[in-house]
Amino acid sequence: MNGTTLQTFAAECAEELPGARLEHPFGPDQEVFEVRGKVFMPMTSVPGKPVVILKSEPGEAEALRETHADVSHGYHMNKKHWITLEAGTSIDEKLVEELGTESCRLAVGDLPRSNQPVDPETYGTRARAARR
């Protein structure tokens, strides 16, 4: 998966998530997907390489960085809770979709229950279970 394909596919997945919106709070070169004002997927270029930045549980983020050469600490984000995906052979569409859904779920979990477009405890779990 090349960089443009990575960002395009990640954006397509994000657009399907409940309550997700594309914003440009930092200018036209940085696309940011938010849900109810909470950022869950910024996309930018890190010296010229397109990347996707996602929220992740700290333990999961560490495991992903250890097992995928194309996953690193979150660029300009909290290094414990965010990861950066770069295009490469260790990243596939299924992983991008799962990580994007998880990032959105984590962002929604930070919202008051009345503002959550989905239940963060169950959202995405049935879809993942069906694919296994």
Protein backbone atom coordinates (compact mmCIF):
# COMPACT_ATOMS: atom_id res chain seq x y z
CA MET A 1 0.00 0.00 0.00
CA ASN A 2 1.55 3.32 -1.01
CA GLY A 3 1.09 6.57 0.95
CA THR A 4 -1.68 8.03 -1.17
CA THR A 5 -3.57 4.75 -1.13
CA LEU A 6 -3.12 4.53 2.65
CA GLN A 7 -4.62 7.97 3.24
CA THR A 8 -7.39 7.48 0.68
CA PHE A 9 -8.43 4.13 2.14
CA ALA A 10 -8.23 5.42 5.73
CA ALA A 11 -10.40 8.42 4.78
CA GLU A 12 -12.97 6.18 3.10
CA CYS A 13 -13.17 4.02 6.24
CA ALA A 14 -13.42 7.07 8.52
CA GLU A 15 -16.24 8.59 6.45
CA GLU A 16 -18.34 5.48 7.18
CA LEU A 17 -18.00 5.78 10.96
CA PRO A 18 -20.99 7.21 12.88
CA GLY A 19 -20.61 10.90 13.63
CA ALA A 20 -17.26 11.26 11.82
CA ARG A 21 -16.50 14.52 10.02
CA LEU A 22 -13.56 15.71 7.96
CA GLU A 23 -12.13 19.02 9.17
CA HIS A 24 -9.12 21.18 8.27
CA PRO A 25 -8.32 22.99 11.57
CA PHE A 26 -4.60 23.32 10.76
CA GLY A 27 -4.94 24.36 7.12
CA PRO A 28 -5.69 22.66 3.80
CA ASP A 29 -2.64 20.35 3.91
CA GLN A 30 -3.78 18.48 7.01
CA GLU A 31 -7.00 16.52 7.01
CA VAL A 32 -8.39 15.70 10.44
CA PHE A 33 -11.26 13.33 11.11
CA GLU A 34 -13.23 14.14 14.24
CA VAL A 35 -16.27 12.76 15.98
CA ARG A 36 -18.27 15.30 18.00
CA GLY A 37 -15.21 17.59 18.20
CA LYS A 38 -12.80 14.83 19.30
CA VAL A 39 -9.90 14.13 16.94
CA PHE A 40 -9.42 10.48 16.06
CA MET A 41 -7.50 10.49 12.76
CA PRO A 42 -5.22 13.29 11.56
CA MET A 43 -3.57 12.78 8.16
CA THR A 44 -0.56 14.74 6.98
CA SER A 45 2.87 14.30 5.39
CA VAL A 46 5.98 13.74 7.46
CA PRO A 47 8.80 14.94 5.41
CA GLY A 48 6.94 14.33 2.19
CA LYS A 49 5.60 10.90 3.20
CA PRO A 50 1.82 10.63 3.65
CA VAL A 51 0.90 9.29 7.10
CA VAL A 52 -2.21 8.47 9.11
CA ILE A 53 -2.17 9.14 12.86
CA LEU A 54 -4.52 7.16 15.11
CA LYS A 55 -5.44 6.95 18.78
CA SER A 56 -4.57 3.61 20.41
CA GLU A 57 -4.56 1.94 23.81
CA PRO A 58 -1.00 2.24 25.21
CA GLY A 59 -0.34 -1.51 25.34
CA GLU A 60 -1.77 -2.03 21.87
CA ALA A 61 0.27 0.88 20.51
CA GLU A 62 3.46 -0.63 21.89
CA ALA A 63 2.64 -4.07 20.45
CA LEU A 64 1.85 -2.57 17.04
CA ARG A 65 5.15 -0.65 16.98
CA GLU A 66 7.03 -3.84 17.86
CA THR A 67 5.33 -6.03 15.24
CA HIS A 68 4.87 -3.62 12.30
CA ALA A 69 7.81 -1.82 10.74
CA ASP A 70 5.47 0.84 9.35
CA VAL A 71 3.94 1.79 12.72
CA SER A 72 5.70 4.39 14.88
CA HIS A 73 4.91 6.81 17.71
CA GLY A 74 2.19 9.37 17.03
CA TYR A 75 3.62 12.29 15.08
CA HIS A 76 3.13 15.51 17.10
CA MET A 77 0.80 13.63 19.46
CA ASN A 78 1.09 11.93 22.85
CA LYS A 79 3.56 9.13 22.12
CA LYS A 80 1.86 6.76 24.58
CA HIS A 81 -1.67 7.05 23.16
CA TRP A 82 -1.15 7.69 19.43
CA ILE A 83 0.50 5.82 16.57
CA THR A 84 1.55 6.83 13.07
CA LEU A 85 0.98 4.55 10.08
CA GLU A 86 3.26 4.90 7.07
CA ALA A 87 2.76 3.12 3.79
CA GLY A 88 4.60 -0.16 3.59
CA THR A 89 4.36 -3.89 3.42
CA SER A 90 3.42 -4.36 7.10
CA ILE A 91 0.21 -2.31 6.66
CA ASP A 92 -2.84 -3.73 4.90
CA GLU A 93 -6.42 -2.55 4.43
CA LYS A 94 -7.83 -4.78 7.18
CA LEU A 95 -5.38 -3.34 9.73
CA VAL A 96 -6.10 0.25 8.65
CA GLU A 97 -9.85 -0.33 8.96
CA GLU A 98 -9.54 -1.98 12.39
CA LEU A 99 -7.20 0.67 13.77
CA GLY A 100 -9.36 3.51 12.43
CA THR A 101 -12.48 2.04 14.02
CA GLU A 102 -10.63 1.55 17.31
CA SER A 103 -9.32 5.13 17.22
CA CYS A 104 -12.85 6.45 16.71
CA ARG A 105 -14.15 4.22 19.50
CA LEU A 106 -11.50 5.54 21.89
CA ALA A 107 -12.29 9.15 20.99
CA VAL A 108 -16.01 8.56 21.53
CA GLY A 109 -15.23 6.99 24.90
CA ASP A 110 -13.89 10.36 26.08
CA LEU A 111 -17.23 12.05 25.44
CA PRO A 112 -20.11 12.34 27.90
CA ARG A 113 -22.48 9.41 27.32
CA SER A 114 -25.21 11.73 26.01
CA ASN A 115 -22.89 12.98 23.23
CA GLN A 116 -21.65 9.59 22.09
CA PRO A 117 -22.97 8.63 18.62
CA VAL A 118 -22.23 4.96 19.43
CA ASP A 119 -21.59 2.85 22.52
CA PRO A 120 -17.77 2.73 22.75
CA GLU A 121 -17.93 -0.54 24.68
CA THR A 122 -19.57 -2.48 21.86
CA TYR A 123 -19.01 -0.45 18.67
CA GLY A 124 -17.01 -2.39 16.11
CA THR A 125 -16.79 -5.57 18.17
CA ARG A 126 -19.47 -7.45 16.24
CA ALA A 127 -17.91 -6.54 12.88
CA ARG A 128 -14.49 -7.77 14.05
CA ALA A 129 -15.96 -10.98 15.44
CA ALA A 130 -17.79 -11.67 12.15
CA ARG A 131 -14.54 -11.36 10.17
CA ARG A 132 -12.73 -13.93 12.30
